Amino acid sequence: MSISLHRPVTWVVWFAVGFTVVGWGLRGWPEAAVPSQPLTSQASTPTPSMVQVMRGLGGAPVTAVAQTSAYRLMGVLAGGPHQGAALIAQEGQVPKPYKVGQTVAPGLVLQSVLGREARLGPSLEASPSLTLSLPAKP
């Protein structure tokens, strides 16, 4: 090894030794005491319901909102205007895949899948009576 490489190699070795000593020293350091009682909030703000939010924004309550709690959209596979599939869970059951045009429940047919939404209605030609959306990405 040439003399010009001794100095940088020495610095790297001593840096590694120092780093190791500091690491082992911090392991032996006593940990901070954890409070025995959890912190509680003094003031809590009430959470508005969906109907209150809609009224506050100037909207009228929609009758389909009551139905959305029975169905949850778990996934979509969009393919085109009359193609695609949706993974829909009904009232806490295991999600099932449905193709566009397939009956989800009596009186509800999967009409279309667009982006992150699935539209359901009484038939393929009727206007959608229920629109399900995927949850927002975190």
N, C-alpha and C. Protein backbone atom coordinates (compact mmCIF):
# COMPACT_ATOMS: atom_id res chain seq x y z
N MET A 1 0.84 -1.15 0.00
CA MET A 1 0.00 0.00 0.00
C MET A 1 0.90 1.24 0.00
N SER A 2 0.54 2.22 -0.75
CA SER A 2 1.39 3.40 -0.83
C SER A 2 1.14 4.30 0.38
N ILE A 3 2.06 5.19 0.63
CA ILE A 3 2.01 6.07 1.79
C ILE A 3 0.82 7.03 1.68
N SER A 4 0.44 7.40 0.48
CA SER A 4 -0.66 8.35 0.29
C SER A 4 -2.01 7.75 0.70
N LEU A 5 -2.14 6.43 0.74
CA LEU A 5 -3.40 5.79 1.14
C LEU A 5 -3.49 5.53 2.63
N HIS A 6 -2.40 5.57 3.37
CA HIS A 6 -2.41 5.27 4.80
C HIS A 6 -3.28 6.25 5.58
N ARG A 7 -3.16 7.52 5.27
CA ARG A 7 -3.89 8.53 6.04
C ARG A 7 -5.41 8.39 5.85
N PRO A 8 -5.96 8.28 4.62
CA PRO A 8 -7.42 8.13 4.48
C PRO A 8 -7.93 6.82 5.10
N VAL A 9 -7.20 5.74 4.97
CA VAL A 9 -7.62 4.47 5.55
C VAL A 9 -7.64 4.59 7.06
N THR A 10 -6.65 5.25 7.64
CA THR A 10 -6.60 5.44 9.09
C THR A 10 -7.82 6.24 9.56
N TRP A 11 -8.16 7.30 8.84
CA TRP A 11 -9.35 8.09 9.20
C TRP A 11 -10.61 7.25 9.15
N VAL A 12 -10.78 6.43 8.15
CA VAL A 12 -11.98 5.59 8.02
C VAL A 12 -12.05 4.59 9.17
N VAL A 13 -10.93 3.95 9.51
CA VAL A 13 -10.91 2.97 10.60
C VAL A 13 -11.26 3.65 11.92
N TRP A 14 -10.63 4.81 12.22
CA TRP A 14 -10.92 5.49 13.48
C TRP A 14 -12.36 6.02 13.52
N PHE A 15 -12.89 6.43 12.39
CA PHE A 15 -14.29 6.86 12.34
C PHE A 15 -15.22 5.68 12.67
N ALA A 16 -14.96 4.50 12.12
CA ALA A 16 -15.76 3.32 12.41
C ALA A 16 -15.66 2.94 13.88
N VAL A 17 -14.45 3.03 14.46
CA VAL A 17 -14.28 2.72 15.88
C VAL A 17 -15.06 3.71 16.74
N GLY A 18 -14.97 4.98 16.42
CA GLY A 18 -15.70 6.00 17.18
C GLY A 18 -17.20 5.82 17.06
N PHE A 19 -17.67 5.52 15.88
CA PHE A 19 -19.09 5.30 15.65
C PHE A 19 -19.58 4.11 16.48
N THR A 20 -18.78 3.05 16.54
CA THR A 20 -19.15 1.86 17.30
C THR A 20 -19.19 2.17 18.79
N VAL A 21 -18.20 2.90 19.30
CA VAL A 21 -18.16 3.27 20.72
C VAL A 21 -19.37 4.11 21.09
N VAL A 22 -19.73 5.07 20.26
CA VAL A 22 -20.90 5.91 20.54
C VAL A 22 -22.17 5.06 20.51
N GLY A 23 -22.28 4.17 19.56
CA GLY A 23 -23.46 3.30 19.49
C GLY A 23 -23.62 2.45 20.73
N TRP A 24 -22.52 1.82 21.18
CA TRP A 24 -22.59 0.99 22.38
C TRP A 24 -22.83 1.84 23.61
N GLY A 25 -22.32 3.05 23.64
CA GLY A 25 -22.55 3.93 24.78
C GLY A 25 -24.00 4.35 24.89
N LEU A 26 -24.64 4.60 23.75
CA LEU A 26 -26.06 4.99 23.78
C LEU A 26 -26.96 3.82 24.18
N ARG A 27 -26.54 2.60 23.90
CA ARG A 27 -27.34 1.45 24.31
C ARG A 27 -27.41 1.34 25.83
N GLY A 28 -26.36 1.72 26.52
CA GLY A 28 -26.33 1.65 27.97
C GLY A 28 -26.95 2.86 28.65
N TRP A 29 -27.29 3.88 27.89
CA TRP A 29 -27.87 5.09 28.44
C TRP A 29 -29.27 4.79 28.98
N PRO A 30 -29.64 5.31 30.16
CA PRO A 30 -30.99 5.02 30.70
C PRO A 30 -32.06 5.70 29.84
N GLU A 31 -33.18 4.98 29.70
CA GLU A 31 -34.27 5.50 28.88
C GLU A 31 -35.10 6.48 29.70
N ALA A 32 -35.78 7.38 29.03
CA ALA A 32 -36.64 8.36 29.69
C ALA A 32 -37.84 7.66 30.31
N ALA A 33 -38.30 8.18 31.41
CA ALA A 33 -39.46 7.59 32.09
C ALA A 33 -40.71 7.87 31.28
N VAL A 34 -41.56 6.85 31.14
CA VAL A 34 -42.81 6.97 30.40
C VAL A 34 -43.90 7.35 31.41
N PRO A 35 -44.72 8.36 31.10
CA PRO A 35 -45.78 8.73 32.05
C PRO A 35 -46.74 7.56 32.27
N SER A 36 -47.16 7.38 33.53
CA SER A 36 -48.02 6.24 33.85
C SER A 36 -49.45 6.46 33.40
N GLN A 37 -49.89 7.71 33.27
CA GLN A 37 -51.25 7.99 32.84
C GLN A 37 -51.21 8.58 31.44
N PRO A 38 -52.08 8.10 30.55
CA PRO A 38 -52.10 8.66 29.20
C PRO A 38 -52.60 10.10 29.22
N LEU A 39 -52.10 10.89 28.29
CA LEU A 39 -52.53 12.27 28.18
C LEU A 39 -53.94 12.31 27.60
N THR A 40 -54.78 13.15 28.14
CA THR A 40 -56.15 13.27 27.65
C THR A 40 -56.38 14.69 27.18
N SER A 41 -57.25 14.80 26.24
CA SER A 41 -57.61 16.11 25.70
C SER A 41 -58.60 16.78 26.64
N GLN A 42 -58.41 18.06 26.91
CA GLN A 42 -59.30 18.78 27.81
C GLN A 42 -60.61 19.14 27.12
N ALA A 43 -60.53 19.57 25.88
CA ALA A 43 -61.73 19.98 25.15
C ALA A 43 -61.89 19.09 23.93
N SER A 44 -63.09 18.59 23.75
CA SER A 44 -63.35 17.78 22.58
C SER A 44 -64.36 18.50 21.69
N THR A 45 -64.13 18.45 20.40
CA THR A 45 -65.04 19.08 19.47
C THR A 45 -65.96 18.01 18.89
N PRO A 46 -67.24 18.29 18.80
CA PRO A 46 -68.17 17.29 18.26
C PRO A 46 -67.92 17.08 16.77
N THR A 47 -68.11 15.86 16.33
CA THR A 47 -67.94 15.53 14.92
C THR A 47 -69.30 15.65 14.23
N PRO A 48 -69.39 16.46 13.18
CA PRO A 48 -70.69 16.62 12.52
C PRO A 48 -71.05 15.38 11.71
N SER A 49 -72.34 15.14 11.59
CA SER A 49 -72.80 14.01 10.78
C SER A 49 -72.77 14.41 9.30
N MET A 50 -72.94 13.42 8.44
CA MET A 50 -72.93 13.67 6.99
C MET A 50 -74.07 14.60 6.59
N VAL A 51 -75.23 14.46 7.21
CA VAL A 51 -76.38 15.30 6.88
C VAL A 51 -76.09 16.75 7.28
N GLN A 52 -75.45 16.95 8.45
CA GLN A 52 -75.12 18.30 8.89
C GLN A 52 -74.11 18.95 7.95
N VAL A 53 -73.14 18.18 7.48
CA VAL A 53 -72.15 18.72 6.54
C VAL A 53 -72.83 19.11 5.23
N MET A 54 -73.71 18.24 4.74
CA MET A 54 -74.40 18.55 3.48
C MET A 54 -75.26 19.80 3.62
N ARG A 55 -75.96 19.96 4.75
CA ARG A 55 -76.77 21.16 4.95
C ARG A 55 -75.89 22.40 5.03
N GLY A 56 -74.75 22.29 5.72
CA GLY A 56 -73.84 23.42 5.86
C GLY A 56 -73.26 23.86 4.53
N LEU A 57 -73.10 22.93 3.60
CA LEU A 57 -72.56 23.26 2.27
C LEU A 57 -73.65 23.61 1.28
N GLY A 58 -74.91 23.66 1.75
CA GLY A 58 -76.01 24.06 0.89
C GLY A 58 -76.61 22.93 0.09
N GLY A 59 -76.31 21.71 0.38
CA GLY A 59 -76.86 20.57 -0.35
C GLY A 59 -78.06 19.99 0.36
N ALA A 60 -78.84 19.26 -0.39
CA ALA A 60 -80.00 18.58 0.17
C ALA A 60 -79.63 17.12 0.43
N PRO A 61 -80.18 16.52 1.48
CA PRO A 61 -79.88 15.11 1.73
C PRO A 61 -80.34 14.23 0.57
N VAL A 62 -79.56 13.25 0.23
CA VAL A 62 -79.86 12.34 -0.87
C VAL A 62 -80.35 11.03 -0.28
N THR A 63 -81.36 10.44 -0.89
CA THR A 63 -81.92 9.20 -0.35
C THR A 63 -80.96 8.04 -0.51
N ALA A 64 -80.03 8.12 -1.48
CA ALA A 64 -79.09 7.02 -1.71
C ALA A 64 -78.02 6.95 -0.63
N VAL A 65 -77.89 7.99 0.19
CA VAL A 65 -76.87 7.99 1.23
C VAL A 65 -77.14 6.88 2.24
N ALA A 66 -78.41 6.60 2.53
CA ALA A 66 -78.75 5.55 3.47
C ALA A 66 -78.35 4.18 2.94
N GLN A 67 -78.37 3.99 1.62
CA GLN A 67 -78.02 2.71 1.03
C GLN A 67 -76.51 2.48 1.00
N THR A 68 -75.72 3.54 0.98
CA THR A 68 -74.28 3.37 0.83
C THR A 68 -73.65 2.65 2.01
N SER A 69 -74.28 2.70 3.18
CA SER A 69 -73.71 2.01 4.32
C SER A 69 -73.81 0.50 4.16
N ALA A 70 -74.74 0.02 3.32
CA ALA A 70 -74.90 -1.41 3.12
C ALA A 70 -73.88 -1.96 2.12
N TYR A 71 -73.30 -1.13 1.28
CA TYR A 71 -72.37 -1.56 0.24
C TYR A 71 -71.06 -0.80 0.36
N ARG A 72 -69.96 -1.52 0.21
CA ARG A 72 -68.63 -0.88 0.21
C ARG A 72 -67.87 -1.32 -1.02
N LEU A 73 -67.32 -0.37 -1.73
CA LEU A 73 -66.50 -0.66 -2.90
C LEU A 73 -65.08 -0.95 -2.43
N MET A 74 -64.58 -2.15 -2.75
CA MET A 74 -63.27 -2.57 -2.29
C MET A 74 -62.22 -2.51 -3.41
N GLY A 75 -62.65 -2.55 -4.67
CA GLY A 75 -61.71 -2.50 -5.78
C GLY A 75 -62.44 -2.36 -7.10
N VAL A 76 -61.76 -1.85 -8.12
CA VAL A 76 -62.34 -1.69 -9.45
C VAL A 76 -61.37 -2.16 -10.51
N LEU A 77 -61.94 -2.56 -11.62
CA LEU A 77 -61.16 -2.93 -12.80
C LEU A 77 -61.90 -2.32 -13.98
N ALA A 78 -61.50 -1.11 -14.37
CA ALA A 78 -62.17 -0.40 -15.45
C ALA A 78 -61.63 -0.89 -16.79
N GLY A 79 -62.55 -1.07 -17.75
CA GLY A 79 -62.12 -1.58 -19.04
C GLY A 79 -62.63 -0.76 -20.20
N GLY A 80 -63.72 -0.07 -20.06
CA GLY A 80 -64.30 0.69 -21.14
C GLY A 80 -65.72 1.08 -20.77
N PRO A 81 -66.51 1.55 -21.76
CA PRO A 81 -67.85 2.03 -21.43
C PRO A 81 -68.76 0.95 -20.83
N HIS A 82 -68.74 -0.24 -21.40
CA HIS A 82 -69.60 -1.31 -20.89
C HIS A 82 -68.79 -2.52 -20.47
N GLN A 83 -67.57 -2.27 -20.03
CA GLN A 83 -66.70 -3.34 -19.56
C GLN A 83 -66.18 -2.97 -18.18
N GLY A 84 -65.64 -3.95 -17.50
CA GLY A 84 -65.05 -3.70 -16.20
C GLY A 84 -65.70 -4.57 -15.14
N ALA A 85 -65.17 -4.46 -13.95
CA ALA A 85 -65.68 -5.23 -12.82
C ALA A 85 -65.42 -4.44 -11.54
N ALA A 86 -66.17 -4.79 -10.51
CA ALA A 86 -66.01 -4.14 -9.21
C ALA A 86 -66.06 -5.19 -8.12
N LEU A 87 -65.30 -4.96 -7.08
CA LEU A 87 -65.28 -5.83 -5.91
C LEU A 87 -66.10 -5.11 -4.84
N ILE A 88 -67.29 -5.66 -4.52
CA ILE A 88 -68.24 -4.98 -3.64
C ILE A 88 -68.56 -5.88 -2.45
N ALA A 89 -68.51 -5.30 -1.24
CA ALA A 89 -68.89 -6.01 -0.01
C ALA A 89 -70.27 -5.52 0.41
N GLN A 90 -71.13 -6.46 0.79
CA GLN A 90 -72.48 -6.11 1.23
C GLN A 90 -72.63 -6.39 2.72
N GLU A 91 -72.96 -5.36 3.49
CA GLU A 91 -73.29 -5.46 4.91
C GLU A 91 -72.35 -6.36 5.69
N GLY A 92 -71.05 -6.10 5.61
CA GLY A 92 -70.08 -6.84 6.41
C GLY A 92 -69.75 -8.22 5.89
N GLN A 93 -70.24 -8.60 4.72
CA GLN A 93 -69.93 -9.91 4.14
C GLN A 93 -68.60 -9.83 3.39
N VAL A 94 -68.14 -10.97 2.94
CA VAL A 94 -66.91 -11.05 2.16
C VAL A 94 -67.17 -10.37 0.81
N PRO A 95 -66.24 -9.54 0.33
CA PRO A 95 -66.42 -8.88 -0.97
C PRO A 95 -66.51 -9.89 -2.10
N LYS A 96 -67.38 -9.59 -3.09
CA LYS A 96 -67.55 -10.45 -4.25
C LYS A 96 -67.31 -9.64 -5.52
N PRO A 97 -66.75 -10.27 -6.55
CA PRO A 97 -66.55 -9.55 -7.81
C PRO A 97 -67.84 -9.55 -8.65
N TYR A 98 -68.13 -8.43 -9.28
CA TYR A 98 -69.29 -8.30 -10.17
C TYR A 98 -68.83 -7.66 -11.46
N LYS A 99 -69.28 -8.22 -12.59
CA LYS A 99 -69.02 -7.63 -13.89
C LYS A 99 -70.11 -6.61 -14.20
N VAL A 100 -69.79 -5.67 -15.11
CA VAL A 100 -70.79 -4.69 -15.53
C VAL A 100 -71.94 -5.45 -16.16
N GLY A 101 -73.17 -5.13 -15.70
CA GLY A 101 -74.36 -5.79 -16.18
C GLY A 101 -74.86 -6.89 -15.24
N GLN A 102 -74.04 -7.28 -14.29
CA GLN A 102 -74.40 -8.34 -13.36
C GLN A 102 -75.21 -7.76 -12.19
N THR A 103 -76.16 -8.54 -11.66
CA THR A 103 -77.01 -8.11 -10.56
C THR A 103 -76.24 -8.23 -9.24
N VAL A 104 -76.16 -7.11 -8.51
CA VAL A 104 -75.48 -7.07 -7.23
C VAL A 104 -76.44 -7.48 -6.12
N ALA A 105 -77.65 -6.97 -6.17
CA ALA A 105 -78.71 -7.29 -5.23
C ALA A 105 -80.03 -7.12 -5.99
N PRO A 106 -81.12 -7.62 -5.45
CA PRO A 106 -82.41 -7.42 -6.14
C PRO A 106 -82.68 -5.94 -6.37
N GLY A 107 -82.83 -5.56 -7.62
CA GLY A 107 -83.08 -4.18 -7.99
C GLY A 107 -81.83 -3.34 -8.17
N LEU A 108 -80.65 -3.94 -8.07
CA LEU A 108 -79.40 -3.20 -8.28
C LEU A 108 -78.49 -3.95 -9.22
N VAL A 109 -78.15 -3.31 -10.33
CA VAL A 109 -77.26 -3.87 -11.35
C VAL A 109 -76.03 -2.98 -11.43
N LEU A 110 -74.86 -3.60 -11.58
CA LEU A 110 -73.64 -2.81 -11.78
C LEU A 110 -73.70 -2.23 -13.19
N GLN A 111 -73.88 -0.91 -13.27
CA GLN A 111 -74.05 -0.24 -14.57
C GLN A 111 -72.73 0.10 -15.22
N SER A 112 -71.79 0.65 -14.45
CA SER A 112 -70.52 1.06 -15.04
C SER A 112 -69.46 1.18 -13.96
N VAL A 113 -68.21 1.12 -14.43
CA VAL A 113 -67.05 1.31 -13.56
C VAL A 113 -66.18 2.36 -14.24
N LEU A 114 -65.99 3.49 -13.57
CA LEU A 114 -65.21 4.58 -14.12
C LEU A 114 -64.22 5.07 -13.08
N GLY A 115 -62.95 4.97 -13.36
CA GLY A 115 -61.93 5.45 -12.44
C GLY A 115 -61.98 4.73 -11.11
N ARG A 116 -62.33 5.47 -10.06
CA ARG A 116 -62.41 4.91 -8.70
C ARG A 116 -63.86 4.81 -8.24
N GLU A 117 -64.80 4.74 -9.17
CA GLU A 117 -66.22 4.69 -8.83
C GLU A 117 -66.92 3.54 -9.54
N ALA A 118 -67.97 3.06 -8.90
CA ALA A 118 -68.87 2.07 -9.50
C ALA A 118 -70.28 2.61 -9.36
N ARG A 119 -71.04 2.54 -10.46
CA ARG A 119 -72.41 3.06 -10.45
C ARG A 119 -73.38 1.89 -10.53
N LEU A 120 -74.39 1.95 -9.65
CA LEU A 120 -75.41 0.90 -9.59
C LEU A 120 -76.77 1.53 -9.84
N GLY A 121 -77.65 0.74 -10.46
CA GLY A 121 -79.00 1.21 -10.72
C GLY A 121 -79.92 0.04 -10.96
N PRO A 122 -81.20 0.31 -11.21
CA PRO A 122 -82.17 -0.77 -11.40
C PRO A 122 -81.94 -1.58 -12.68
N SER A 123 -81.36 -0.95 -13.70
CA SER A 123 -81.03 -1.66 -14.94
C SER A 123 -79.85 -0.95 -15.60
N LEU A 124 -79.33 -1.55 -16.68
CA LEU A 124 -78.20 -0.93 -17.39
C LEU A 124 -78.57 0.40 -18.02
N GLU A 125 -79.80 0.53 -18.48
CA GLU A 125 -80.22 1.73 -19.20
C GLU A 125 -80.71 2.84 -18.27
N ALA A 126 -81.12 2.52 -17.05
CA ALA A 126 -81.68 3.52 -16.13
C ALA A 126 -80.57 4.41 -15.58
N SER A 127 -80.98 5.53 -15.02
CA SER A 127 -79.98 6.41 -14.40
C SER A 127 -79.49 5.78 -13.10
N PRO A 128 -78.22 6.02 -12.74
CA PRO A 128 -77.68 5.40 -11.53
C PRO A 128 -78.41 5.87 -10.28
N SER A 129 -78.73 4.94 -9.41
CA SER A 129 -79.37 5.30 -8.15
C SER A 129 -78.39 5.29 -6.99
N LEU A 130 -77.19 4.72 -7.22
CA LEU A 130 -76.19 4.62 -6.17
C LEU A 130 -74.80 4.66 -6.80
N THR A 131 -73.93 5.50 -6.27
CA THR A 131 -72.55 5.58 -6.73
C THR A 131 -71.64 5.25 -5.56
N LEU A 132 -70.81 4.23 -5.73
CA LEU A 132 -69.85 3.84 -4.71
C LEU A 132 -68.47 4.30 -5.12
N SER A 133 -67.70 4.81 -4.15
CA SER A 133 -66.35 5.29 -4.42
C SER A 133 -65.36 4.54 -3.55
N LEU A 134 -64.16 4.36 -4.08
CA LEU A 134 -63.09 3.77 -3.29
C LEU A 134 -62.66 4.76 -2.22
N PRO A 135 -62.21 4.30 -1.06
CA PRO A 135 -61.73 5.22 -0.05
C PRO A 135 -60.53 6.03 -0.58
N ALA A 136 -60.36 7.21 -0.05
CA ALA A 136 -59.25 8.07 -0.48
C ALA A 136 -57.92 7.43 -0.11
N LYS A 137 -56.92 7.65 -0.94
CA LYS A 137 -55.59 7.11 -0.68
C LYS A 137 -54.98 7.88 0.48
N PRO A 138 -54.26 7.17 1.34
CA PRO A 138 -53.64 7.86 2.47
C PRO A 138 -52.49 8.75 2.05
